[in-house]
PDB file of N, CA and C in Angstrom:
ATOM      1  N   MET A   1       4.195   1.260   2.624  1.00  0.00           N
ATOM      2  CA  MET A   1       4.745   0.690   1.416  1.00  0.00           C
ATOM      3  C   MET A   1       3.611   0.181   0.549  1.00  0.00           C
ATOM      4  N   ILE A   2       3.731   0.454  -0.710  1.00  0.00           N
ATOM      5  CA  ILE A   2       2.790  -0.060  -1.690  1.00  0.00           C
ATOM      6  C   ILE A   2       3.595  -0.916  -2.653  1.00  0.00           C
ATOM      7  N   PHE A   3       3.253  -2.188  -2.734  1.00  0.00           N
ATOM      8  CA  PHE A   3       3.948  -3.107  -3.620  1.00  0.00           C
ATOM      9  C   PHE A   3       3.184  -3.214  -4.926  1.00  0.00           C
ATOM     10  N   TYR A   4       3.926  -3.275  -6.041  1.00  0.00           N
ATOM     11  CA  TYR A   4       3.248  -3.469  -7.321  1.00  0.00           C
ATOM     12  C   TYR A   4       4.014  -4.415  -8.222  1.00  0.00           C
ATOM     13  N   ASP A   5       3.261  -5.105  -9.050  1.00  0.00           N
ATOM     14  CA  ASP A   5       3.799  -6.051 -10.025  1.00  0.00           C
ATOM     15  C   ASP A   5       3.821  -5.343 -11.374  1.00  0.00           C
ATOM     16  N   PRO A   6       5.006  -5.014 -11.899  1.00  0.00           N
ATOM     17  CA  PRO A   6       5.084  -4.250 -13.138  1.00  0.00           C
ATOM     18  C   PRO A   6       4.625  -5.016 -14.379  1.00  0.00           C
ATOM     19  N   SER A   7       4.370  -6.310 -14.247  1.00  0.00           N
ATOM     20  CA  SER A   7       3.903  -7.077 -15.403  1.00  0.00           C
ATOM     21  C   SER A   7       2.412  -6.870 -15.662  1.00  0.00           C
ATOM     22  N   CYS A   8       1.716  -6.273 -14.729  1.00  0.00           N
ATOM     23  CA  CYS A   8       0.284  -6.002 -14.883  1.00  0.00           C
ATOM     24  C   CYS A   8       0.098  -4.636 -15.549  1.00  0.00           C
ATOM     25  N   PRO A   9      -0.630  -4.578 -16.665  1.00  0.00           N
ATOM     26  CA  PRO A   9      -0.771  -3.300 -17.373  1.00  0.00           C
ATOM     27  C   PRO A   9      -1.564  -2.239 -16.600  1.00  0.00           C
ATOM     28  N   PHE A  10      -2.372  -2.646 -15.651  1.00  0.00           N
ATOM     29  CA  PHE A  10      -3.179  -1.696 -14.889  1.00  0.00           C
ATOM     30  C   PHE A  10      -2.568  -1.358 -13.532  1.00  0.00           C
ATOM     31  N   CYS A  11      -1.503  -2.048 -13.202  1.00  0.00           N
ATOM     32  CA  CYS A  11      -0.937  -1.945 -11.864  1.00  0.00           C
ATOM     33  C   CYS A  11      -0.463  -0.538 -11.503  1.00  0.00           C
ATOM     34  N   MET A  12       0.179   0.151 -12.420  1.00  0.00           N
ATOM     35  CA  MET A  12       0.669   1.493 -12.096  1.00  0.00           C
ATOM     36  C   MET A  12      -0.493   2.448 -11.825  1.00  0.00           C
ATOM     37  N   TYR A  13      -1.568   2.326 -12.593  1.00  0.00           N
ATOM     38  CA  TYR A  13      -2.739   3.175 -12.335  1.00  0.00           C
ATOM     39  C   TYR A  13      -3.287   2.892 -10.942  1.00  0.00           C
ATOM     40  N   PHE A  14      -3.476   1.615 -10.618  1.00  0.00           N
ATOM     41  CA  PHE A  14      -4.008   1.266  -9.305  1.00  0.00           C
ATOM     42  C   PHE A  14      -3.047   1.658  -8.195  1.00  0.00           C
ATOM     43  N   THR A  15      -1.753   1.519  -8.443  1.00  0.00           N
ATOM     44  CA  THR A  15      -0.757   1.917  -7.451  1.00  0.00           C
ATOM     45  C   THR A  15      -0.866   3.406  -7.141  1.00  0.00           C
ATOM     46  N   GLU A  16      -0.999   4.215  -8.165  1.00  0.00           N
ATOM     47  CA  GLU A  16      -1.143   5.659  -7.960  1.00  0.00           C
ATOM     48  C   GLU A  16      -2.442   5.993  -7.229  1.00  0.00           C
ATOM     49  N   GLN A  17      -3.497   5.244  -7.504  1.00  0.00           N
ATOM     50  CA  GLN A  17      -4.766   5.466  -6.812  1.00  0.00           C
ATOM     51  C   GLN A  17      -4.663   5.085  -5.332  1.00  0.00           C
ATOM     52  N   VAL A  18      -3.994   3.971  -5.052  1.00  0.00           N
ATOM     53  CA  VAL A  18      -3.780   3.559  -3.660  1.00  0.00           C
ATOM     54  C   VAL A  18      -2.925   4.597  -2.937  1.00  0.00           C
ATOM     55  N   LYS A  19      -1.875   5.060  -3.595  1.00  0.00           N
ATOM     56  CA  LYS A  19      -0.994   6.091  -3.013  1.00  0.00           C
ATOM     57  C   LYS A  19      -1.799   7.339  -2.665  1.00  0.00           C
ATOM     58  N   SER A  20      -2.650   7.767  -3.558  1.00  0.00           N
ATOM     59  CA  SER A  20      -3.494   8.935  -3.326  1.00  0.00           C
ATOM     60  C   SER A  20      -4.452   8.705  -2.152  1.00  0.00           C
ATOM     61  N   ALA A  21      -5.034   7.516  -2.083  1.00  0.00           N
ATOM     62  CA  ALA A  21      -5.969   7.207  -0.994  1.00  0.00           C
ATOM     63  C   ALA A  21      -5.263   7.184   0.353  1.00  0.00           C
ATOM     64  N   VAL A  22      -4.049   6.637   0.400  1.00  0.00           N
ATOM     65  CA  VAL A  22      -3.288   6.615   1.652  1.00  0.00           C
ATOM     66  C   VAL A  22      -2.933   8.035   2.060  1.00  0.00           C
ATOM     67  N   LYS A  23      -2.469   8.844   1.115  1.00  0.00           N
ATOM     68  CA  LYS A  23      -2.126  10.245   1.422  1.00  0.00           C
ATOM     69  C   LYS A  23      -3.342  11.019   1.937  1.00  0.00           C
ATOM     70  N   GLU A  24      -4.505  10.709   1.384  1.00  0.00           N
ATOM     71  CA  GLU A  24      -5.731  11.375   1.833  1.00  0.00           C
ATOM     72  C   GLU A  24      -6.106  10.937   3.250  1.00  0.00           C
ATOM     73  N   ALA A  25      -5.955   9.647   3.541  1.00  0.00           N
ATOM     74  CA  ALA A  25      -6.326   9.117   4.854  1.00  0.00           C
ATOM     75  C   ALA A  25      -5.312   9.492   5.927  1.00  0.00           C
ATOM     76  N   ALA A  26      -4.035   9.560   5.552  1.00  0.00           N
ATOM     77  CA  ALA A  26      -2.970   9.861   6.517  1.00  0.00           C
ATOM     78  C   ALA A  26      -1.904  10.704   5.824  1.00  0.00           C
ATOM     79  N   PRO A  27      -2.152  11.996   5.668  1.00  0.00           N
ATOM     80  CA  PRO A  27      -1.242  12.854   4.891  1.00  0.00           C
ATOM     81  C   PRO A  27       0.157  13.023   5.463  1.00  0.00           C
ATOM     82  N   ASN A  28       0.359  12.716   6.719  1.00  0.00           N
ATOM     83  CA  ASN A  28       1.662  12.943   7.342  1.00  0.00           C
ATOM     84  C   ASN A  28       2.626  11.768   7.251  1.00  0.00           C
ATOM     85  N   ILE A  29       2.161  10.622   6.734  1.00  0.00           N
ATOM     86  CA  ILE A  29       3.085   9.491   6.673  1.00  0.00           C
ATOM     87  C   ILE A  29       3.712   9.393   5.283  1.00  0.00           C
ATOM     88  N   PRO A  30       4.960   8.967   5.237  1.00  0.00           N
ATOM     89  CA  PRO A  30       5.608   8.805   3.927  1.00  0.00           C
ATOM     90  C   PRO A  30       5.062   7.565   3.220  1.00  0.00           C
ATOM     91  N   VAL A  31       4.986   7.629   1.913  1.00  0.00           N
ATOM     92  CA  VAL A  31       4.530   6.500   1.106  1.00  0.00           C
ATOM     93  C   VAL A  31       5.688   6.070   0.215  1.00  0.00           C
ATOM     94  N   ARG A  32       5.974   4.785   0.238  1.00  0.00           N
ATOM     95  CA  ARG A  32       7.037   4.246  -0.609  1.00  0.00           C
ATOM     96  C   ARG A  32       6.422   3.217  -1.548  1.00  0.00           C
ATOM     97  N   VAL A  33       6.664   3.377  -2.839  1.00  0.00           N
ATOM     98  CA  VAL A  33       6.174   2.456  -3.845  1.00  0.00           C
ATOM     99  C   VAL A  33       7.311   1.491  -4.188  1.00  0.00           C
ATOM    100  N   VAL A  34       7.018   0.184  -4.129  1.00  0.00           N
ATOM    101  CA  VAL A  34       8.042  -0.837  -4.316  1.00  0.00           C
ATOM    102  C   VAL A  34       7.693  -1.713  -5.522  1.00  0.00           C
ATOM    103  N   ASN A  35       8.585  -1.729  -6.503  1.00  0.00           N
ATOM    104  CA  ASN A  35       8.468  -2.622  -7.648  1.00  0.00           C
ATOM    105  C   ASN A  35       8.886  -4.006  -7.158  1.00  0.00           C
ATOM    106  N   MET A  36       7.966  -4.970  -7.213  1.00  0.00           N
ATOM    107  CA  MET A  36       8.220  -6.292  -6.654  1.00  0.00           C
ATOM    108  C   MET A  36       9.326  -7.051  -7.379  1.00  0.00           C
ATOM    109  N   PHE A  37       9.636  -6.675  -8.619  1.00  0.00           N
ATOM    110  CA  PHE A  37      10.704  -7.344  -9.358  1.00  0.00           C
ATOM    111  C   PHE A  37      12.060  -6.698  -9.089  1.00  0.00           C
ATOM    112  N   GLU A  38      12.096  -5.382  -9.030  1.00  0.00           N
ATOM    113  CA  GLU A  38      13.361  -4.671  -8.843  1.00  0.00           C
ATOM    114  C   GLU A  38      13.844  -4.683  -7.401  1.00  0.00           C
ATOM    115  N   GLU A  39      12.915  -4.757  -6.450  1.00  0.00           N
ATOM    116  CA  GLU A  39      13.288  -4.756  -5.034  1.00  0.00           C
ATOM    117  C   GLU A  39      12.848  -6.069  -4.396  1.00  0.00           C
ATOM    118  N   ARG A  40      13.335  -7.144  -4.967  1.00  0.00           N
ATOM    119  CA  ARG A  40      12.961  -8.497  -4.540  1.00  0.00           C
ATOM    120  C   ARG A  40      13.282  -8.724  -3.065  1.00  0.00           C
ATOM    121  N   ASP A  41      14.337  -8.109  -2.552  1.00  0.00           N
ATOM    122  CA  ASP A  41      14.699  -8.281  -1.148  1.00  0.00           C
ATOM    123  C   ASP A  41      13.603  -7.779  -0.213  1.00  0.00           C
ATOM    124  N   GLU A  42      12.923  -6.701  -0.595  1.00  0.00           N
ATOM    125  CA  GLU A  42      11.813  -6.173   0.220  1.00  0.00           C
ATOM    126  C   GLU A  42      10.668  -7.182   0.289  1.00  0.00           C
ATOM    127  N   VAL A  43      10.439  -7.880  -0.816  1.00  0.00           N
ATOM    128  CA  VAL A  43       9.383  -8.883  -0.876  1.00  0.00           C
ATOM    129  C   VAL A  43       9.791 -10.111  -0.064  1.00  0.00           C
ATOM    130  N   GLU A  44      10.995 -10.587  -0.267  1.00  0.00           N
ATOM    131  CA  GLU A  44      11.459 -11.810   0.389  1.00  0.00           C
ATOM    132  C   GLU A  44      11.529 -11.682   1.901  1.00  0.00           C
ATOM    133  N   GLN A  45      11.900 -10.521   2.414  1.00  0.00           N
ATOM    134  CA  GLN A  45      12.002 -10.375   3.868  1.00  0.00           C
ATOM    135  C   GLN A  45      10.642 -10.347   4.542  1.00  0.00           C
ATOM    136  N   ARG A  46       9.569 -10.163   3.754  1.00  0.00           N
ATOM    137  CA  ARG A  46       8.231 -10.116   4.323  1.00  0.00           C
ATOM    138  C   ARG A  46       7.446 -11.405   4.111  1.00  0.00           C
ATOM    139  N   GLY A  47       7.921 -12.282   3.226  1.00  0.00           N
ATOM    140  CA  GLY A  47       7.156 -13.498   2.925  1.00  0.00           C
ATOM    141  C   GLY A  47       5.943 -13.119   2.104  1.00  0.00           C
ATOM    142  N   TYR A  48       4.779 -13.146   2.719  1.00  0.00           N
ATOM    143  CA  TYR A  48       3.550 -12.717   2.053  1.00  0.00           C
ATOM    144  C   TYR A  48       3.590 -11.203   1.904  1.00  0.00           C
ATOM    145  N   VAL A  49       3.308 -10.706   0.721  1.00  0.00           N
ATOM    146  CA  VAL A  49       3.339  -9.265   0.496  1.00  0.00           C
ATOM    147  C   VAL A  49       1.953  -8.786   0.071  1.00  0.00           C
ATOM    148  N   PRO A  50       1.318  -7.982   0.919  1.00  0.00           N
ATOM    149  CA  PRO A  50       0.052  -7.379   0.485  1.00  0.00           C
ATOM    150  C   PRO A  50       0.352  -6.286  -0.532  1.00  0.00           C
ATOM    151  N   LEU A  51      -0.644  -5.865  -1.265  1.00  0.00           N
ATOM    152  CA  LEU A  51      -0.417  -4.780  -2.216  1.00  0.00           C
ATOM    153  C   LEU A  51      -0.121  -3.475  -1.506  1.00  0.00           C
ATOM    154  N   CYS A  52      -0.698  -3.303  -0.330  1.00  0.00           N
ATOM    155  CA  CYS A  52      -0.470  -2.082   0.435  1.00  0.00           C
ATOM    156  C   CYS A  52      -0.314  -2.449   1.904  1.00  0.00           C
ATOM    157  N   ALA A  53       0.690  -1.877   2.552  1.00  0.00           N
ATOM    158  CA  ALA A  53       0.904  -2.100   3.973  1.00  0.00           C
ATOM    159  C   ALA A  53       1.214  -0.759   4.627  1.00  0.00           C
ATOM    160  N   VAL A  54       0.574  -0.515   5.756  1.00  0.00           N
ATOM    161  CA  VAL A  54       0.823   0.700   6.525  1.00  0.00           C
ATOM    162  C   VAL A  54       1.227   0.267   7.919  1.00  0.00           C
ATOM    163  N   ASN A  55       2.382   0.743   8.350  1.00  0.00           N
ATOM    164  CA  ASN A  55       2.888   0.416   9.679  1.00  0.00           C
ATOM    165  C   ASN A  55       3.003  -1.100   9.860  1.00  0.00           C
ATOM    166  N   GLY A  56       3.342  -1.801   8.773  1.00  0.00           N
ATOM    167  CA  GLY A  56       3.499  -3.246   8.812  1.00  0.00           C
ATOM    168  C   GLY A  56       2.205  -4.032   8.751  1.00  0.00           C
ATOM    169  N   LYS A  57       1.067  -3.353   8.662  1.00  0.00           N
ATOM    170  CA  LYS A  57      -0.226  -4.035   8.631  1.00  0.00           C
ATOM    171  C   LYS A  57      -0.809  -3.978   7.224  1.00  0.00           C
ATOM    172  N   PRO A  58      -1.274  -5.141   6.706  1.00  0.00           N
ATOM    173  CA  PRO A  58      -1.866  -5.152   5.358  1.00  0.00           C
ATOM    174  C   PRO A  58      -3.141  -4.319   5.298  1.00  0.00           C
ATOM    175  N   ILE A  59      -3.309  -3.588   4.217  1.00  0.00           N
ATOM    176  CA  ILE A  59      -4.521  -2.810   3.974  1.00  0.00           C
ATOM    177  C   ILE A  59      -5.318  -3.553   2.908  1.00  0.00           C
ATOM    178  N   THR A  60      -6.524  -3.974   3.254  1.00  0.00           N
ATOM    179  CA  THR A  60      -7.331  -4.761   2.323  1.00  0.00           C
ATOM    180  C   THR A  60      -8.484  -3.969   1.723  1.00  0.00           C
ATOM    181  N   ALA A  61      -8.765  -2.803   2.263  1.00  0.00           N
ATOM    182  CA  ALA A  61      -9.865  -1.984   1.746  1.00  0.00           C
ATOM    183  C   ALA A  61      -9.585  -1.587   0.300  1.00  0.00           C
ATOM    184  N   PHE A  62     -10.619  -1.559  -0.507  1.00  0.00           N
ATOM    185  CA  PHE A  62     -10.480  -1.156  -1.899  1.00  0.00           C
ATOM    186  C   PHE A  62     -10.303   0.352  -1.950  1.00  0.00           C
ATOM    187  N   PHE A  63      -9.298   0.824  -2.672  1.00  0.00           N
ATOM    188  CA  PHE A  63      -8.950   2.237  -2.656  1.00  0.00           C
ATOM    189  C   PHE A  63     -10.070   3.147  -3.163  1.00  0.00           C
ATOM    190  N   MET A  64     -10.979   2.627  -3.986  1.00  0.00           N
ATOM    191  CA  MET A  64     -12.053   3.475  -4.506  1.00  0.00           C
ATOM    192  C   MET A  64     -13.166   3.695  -3.487  1.00  0.00           C
ATOM    193  N   ASP A  65     -13.167   2.897  -2.424  1.00  0.00           N
ATOM    194  CA  ASP A  65     -14.156   3.045  -1.365  1.00  0.00           C
ATOM    195  C   ASP A  65     -13.566   3.962  -0.300  1.00  0.00           C
ATOM    196  N   ARG A  66     -13.418   5.233  -0.663  1.00  0.00           N
ATOM    197  CA  ARG A  66     -12.717   6.199   0.203  1.00  0.00           C
ATOM    198  C   ARG A  66     -13.380   6.353   1.575  1.00  0.00           C
ATOM    199  N   GLU A  67     -14.695   6.220   1.644  1.00  0.00           N
ATOM    200  CA  GLU A  67     -15.381   6.382   2.924  1.00  0.00           C
ATOM    201  C   GLU A  67     -14.991   5.293   3.920  1.00  0.00           C
ATOM    202  N   ASN A  68     -14.664   4.107   3.409  1.00  0.00           N
ATOM    203  CA  ASN A  68     -14.317   2.988   4.287  1.00  0.00           C
ATOM    204  C   ASN A  68     -12.829   2.669   4.269  1.00  0.00           C
ATOM    205  N   PHE A  69     -12.025   3.599   3.816  1.00  0.00           N
ATOM    206  CA  PHE A  69     -10.583   3.384   3.765  1.00  0.00           C
ATOM    207  C   PHE A  69      -9.973   3.723   5.122  1.00  0.00           C
ATOM    208  N   HIS A  70     -10.678   3.348   6.186  1.00  0.00           N
ATOM    209  CA  HIS A  70     -10.253   3.657   7.552  1.00  0.00           C
ATOM    210  C   HIS A  70      -9.156   2.726   8.060  1.00  0.00           C
ATOM    211  N   GLU A  71      -8.872   1.650   7.341  1.00  0.00           N
ATOM    212  CA  GLU A  71      -7.818   0.734   7.761  1.00  0.00           C
ATOM    213  C   GLU A  71      -6.464   1.434   7.879  1.00  0.00           C
ATOM    214  N   VAL A  72      -6.247   2.440   7.064  1.00  0.00           N
ATOM    215  CA  VAL A  72      -4.978   3.169   7.108  1.00  0.00           C
ATOM    216  C   VAL A  72      -4.829   3.866   8.457  1.00  0.00           C
ATOM    217  N   LYS A  73      -5.861   4.556   8.880  1.00  0.00           N
ATOM    218  CA  LYS A  73      -5.796   5.237  10.173  1.00  0.00           C
ATOM    219  C   LYS A  73      -5.693   4.251  11.316  1.00  0.00           C
ATOM    220  N   ALA A  74      -6.422   3.118  11.224  1.00  0.00           N
ATOM    221  CA  ALA A  74      -6.359   2.100  12.268  1.00  0.00           C
ATOM    222  C   ALA A  74      -4.966   1.487  12.365  1.00  0.00           C
ATOM    223  N   ALA A  75      -4.290   1.353  11.226  1.00  0.00           N
ATOM    224  CA  ALA A  75      -2.939   0.781  11.217  1.00  0.00           C
ATOM    225  C   ALA A  75      -1.931   1.697  11.896  1.00  0.00           C
ATOM    226  N   LEU A  76      -2.237   2.968  11.968  1.00  0.00           N
ATOM    227  CA  LEU A  76      -1.326   3.931  12.581  1.00  0.00           C
ATOM    228  C   LEU A  76      -1.467   3.997  14.107  1.00  0.00           C
ATOM    229  N   VAL A  77      -2.543   3.419  14.649  1.00  0.00           N
ATOM    230  CA  VAL A  77      -2.769   3.432  16.082  1.00  0.00           C
ATOM    231  C   VAL A  77      -1.885   2.396  16.726  1.00  0.00           C
ATOM    232  N   LYS A  78      -1.149   2.789  17.749  1.00  0.00           N
ATOM    233  CA  LYS A  78      -0.260   1.857  18.451  1.00  0.00           C
ATOM    234  C   LYS A  78      -1.105   0.982  19.366  1.00  0.00           C
ATOM    235  N   GLY A  79      -0.657  -0.250  19.496  1.00  0.00           N
ATOM    236  CA  GLY A  79      -1.357  -1.111  20.451  1.00  0.00           C
ATOM    237  C   GLY A  79      -1.493  -2.491  20.049  1.00  0.00           C
TER     238      GLY A  79
END
């Protein structure tokens, strides 16, 4: 899930970049983009909402640092 705040003028661009980076790192997982205002229930059930979460784990790596975007793959490892 990728959460975005539609009040930010750059948010959709960054959201699309994050989506692309996740697809590149893990092409087999589905990506869902969540508007934080329209799907408030998704935000409320999680409390703190990172901008990007994979397998329930927050992804903090900057999407432009593709070489170090390994958090996505690490989030997919069970354990």
